[in-house]
Amino acid sequence: MAGMALFGMGAALLGLSWEFQILSAALSGVLLIPLALKALKKLTPGELSQSLDDPRLRGQQFKVYTDSGGQARVTVFGDEFMARPSSIDQSLKDGSLVRIVRFEGNTAIVTPND
């Protein structure tokens, strides 16, 4: 965004009309944003994935409780997450033990511990 602003400012300093200032800022954004995303991707360590790959959660059991709104929840290392069963035919009862299969956003997908 700063690069786009600089290109627009450069066009203004050259005395171009406001249409060309906006056009130069927009066209520079088309070039600069993919370059910035590529640079940020190189700076990001590891792969970005949606899978559950936390070794602290493997094999752990968590207790389900129901909040005041009737939603099933689990507490994982001090953080609370909404809980949803991994299949339709399963139900979550208050106090039952579950294992976390994966996370979908801020919802823990769980399966009953057998």
Protein backbone atom coordinates (compact mmCIF):
# COMPACT_ATOMS: atom_id res chain seq x y z
CA MET A 1 0.00 0.00 0.00
CA ALA A 2 2.86 2.36 0.77
CA GLY A 3 4.40 1.64 -2.62
CA MET A 4 1.12 2.43 -4.31
CA ALA A 5 0.94 5.72 -2.42
CA LEU A 6 4.49 6.57 -3.49
CA PHE A 7 3.66 5.97 -7.15
CA GLY A 8 0.54 8.14 -6.84
CA MET A 9 2.58 10.84 -5.13
CA GLY A 10 5.21 10.63 -7.86
CA ALA A 11 2.55 11.16 -10.50
CA ALA A 12 1.26 14.17 -8.54
CA LEU A 13 4.76 15.65 -8.30
CA LEU A 14 5.12 15.26 -12.07
CA GLY A 15 1.98 17.40 -12.44
CA LEU A 16 -0.23 14.67 -13.89
CA SER A 17 -4.01 14.89 -13.47
CA TRP A 18 -5.75 13.11 -10.61
CA GLU A 19 -6.97 10.40 -13.00
CA PHE A 20 -3.38 9.47 -13.87
CA GLN A 21 -2.37 9.64 -10.22
CA ILE A 22 -5.03 7.07 -9.31
CA LEU A 23 -4.23 4.98 -12.38
CA SER A 24 -0.50 4.92 -11.58
CA ALA A 25 -1.22 3.92 -7.96
CA ALA A 26 -3.58 1.15 -9.08
CA LEU A 27 -1.22 -0.22 -11.72
CA SER A 28 1.69 -0.18 -9.31
CA GLY A 29 -0.46 -2.18 -6.87
CA VAL A 30 -1.02 -4.83 -9.53
CA LEU A 31 2.75 -5.24 -9.70
CA LEU A 32 3.75 -4.62 -6.08
CA ILE A 33 1.18 -6.73 -4.20
CA PRO A 34 2.22 -10.09 -5.77
CA LEU A 35 5.86 -9.22 -5.08
CA ALA A 36 5.06 -8.40 -1.46
CA LEU A 37 3.12 -11.66 -1.05
CA LYS A 38 6.01 -13.64 -2.52
CA ALA A 39 8.45 -11.96 -0.14
CA LEU A 40 6.19 -12.64 2.86
CA LYS A 41 5.84 -16.28 1.84
CA LYS A 42 9.62 -16.66 1.84
CA LEU A 43 9.79 -15.12 5.32
CA THR A 44 7.13 -17.51 6.70
CA PRO A 45 8.78 -20.58 8.24
CA GLY A 46 7.37 -23.99 7.36
CA GLU A 47 4.18 -24.82 5.58
CA LEU A 48 0.83 -23.25 6.30
CA SER A 49 -1.72 -25.99 6.75
CA GLN A 50 -5.13 -26.48 8.30
CA SER A 51 -4.35 -29.89 9.74
CA LEU A 52 -3.88 -30.78 13.38
CA ASP A 53 -0.17 -31.24 13.83
CA ASP A 54 0.41 -30.36 17.46
CA PRO A 55 2.20 -33.18 19.25
CA ARG A 56 0.81 -31.98 22.59
CA LEU A 57 -2.71 -32.94 21.44
CA ARG A 58 -1.92 -36.43 20.14
CA GLY A 59 -3.40 -39.09 22.38
CA GLN A 60 -4.83 -36.53 24.80
CA GLN A 61 -8.35 -36.75 26.18
CA PHE A 62 -10.46 -33.68 26.81
CA LYS A 63 -13.68 -33.32 28.78
CA VAL A 64 -16.76 -31.89 27.08
CA TYR A 65 -18.91 -29.38 28.94
CA THR A 66 -21.94 -27.35 27.95
CA ASP A 67 -21.89 -23.57 28.21
CA SER A 68 -24.83 -21.38 29.21
CA GLY A 69 -25.99 -21.21 25.57
CA GLY A 70 -26.18 -24.99 25.26
CA GLN A 71 -23.10 -25.29 23.05
CA ALA A 72 -20.64 -28.15 23.59
CA ARG A 73 -17.15 -26.92 24.44
CA VAL A 74 -13.73 -28.30 25.31
CA THR A 75 -10.86 -26.63 27.14
CA VAL A 76 -7.47 -27.20 25.53
CA PHE A 77 -4.48 -25.94 27.52
CA GLY A 78 -6.49 -23.06 28.99
CA ASP A 79 -8.25 -22.06 25.75
CA GLU A 80 -11.93 -22.81 25.16
CA PHE A 81 -13.18 -24.09 21.82
CA MET A 82 -16.61 -25.02 20.53
CA ALA A 83 -16.79 -28.77 20.00
CA ARG A 84 -18.52 -30.63 17.19
CA PRO A 85 -18.62 -34.40 16.64
CA SER A 86 -16.72 -35.72 13.62
CA SER A 87 -19.74 -37.63 12.31
CA ILE A 88 -23.46 -36.96 12.32
CA ASP A 89 -24.42 -40.10 14.25
CA GLN A 90 -22.28 -39.11 17.26
CA SER A 91 -23.47 -36.89 20.08
CA LEU A 92 -21.54 -34.99 22.71
CA LYS A 93 -22.72 -35.37 26.28
CA ASP A 94 -21.70 -33.16 29.15
CA GLY A 95 -18.72 -34.71 30.96
CA SER A 96 -17.81 -37.21 28.23
CA LEU A 97 -14.17 -37.67 27.20
CA VAL A 98 -13.19 -36.95 23.59
CA ARG A 99 -10.12 -36.80 21.37
CA ILE A 100 -9.56 -33.91 18.97
CA VAL A 101 -9.46 -34.97 15.32
CA ARG A 102 -8.82 -31.53 13.79
CA PHE A 103 -9.75 -27.86 14.03
CA GLU A 104 -12.03 -26.07 11.60
CA GLY A 105 -11.52 -22.41 12.38
CA ASN A 106 -12.12 -22.07 16.11
CA THR A 107 -14.20 -25.25 16.34
CA ALA A 108 -12.66 -28.49 17.58
CA ILE A 109 -13.85 -31.53 15.63
CA VAL A 110 -13.86 -34.34 18.17
CA THR A 111 -14.55 -38.05 18.35
CA PRO A 112 -15.69 -39.86 21.51
CA ASN A 113 -12.91 -41.67 23.33
CA ASP A 114 -13.55 -45.41 23.15
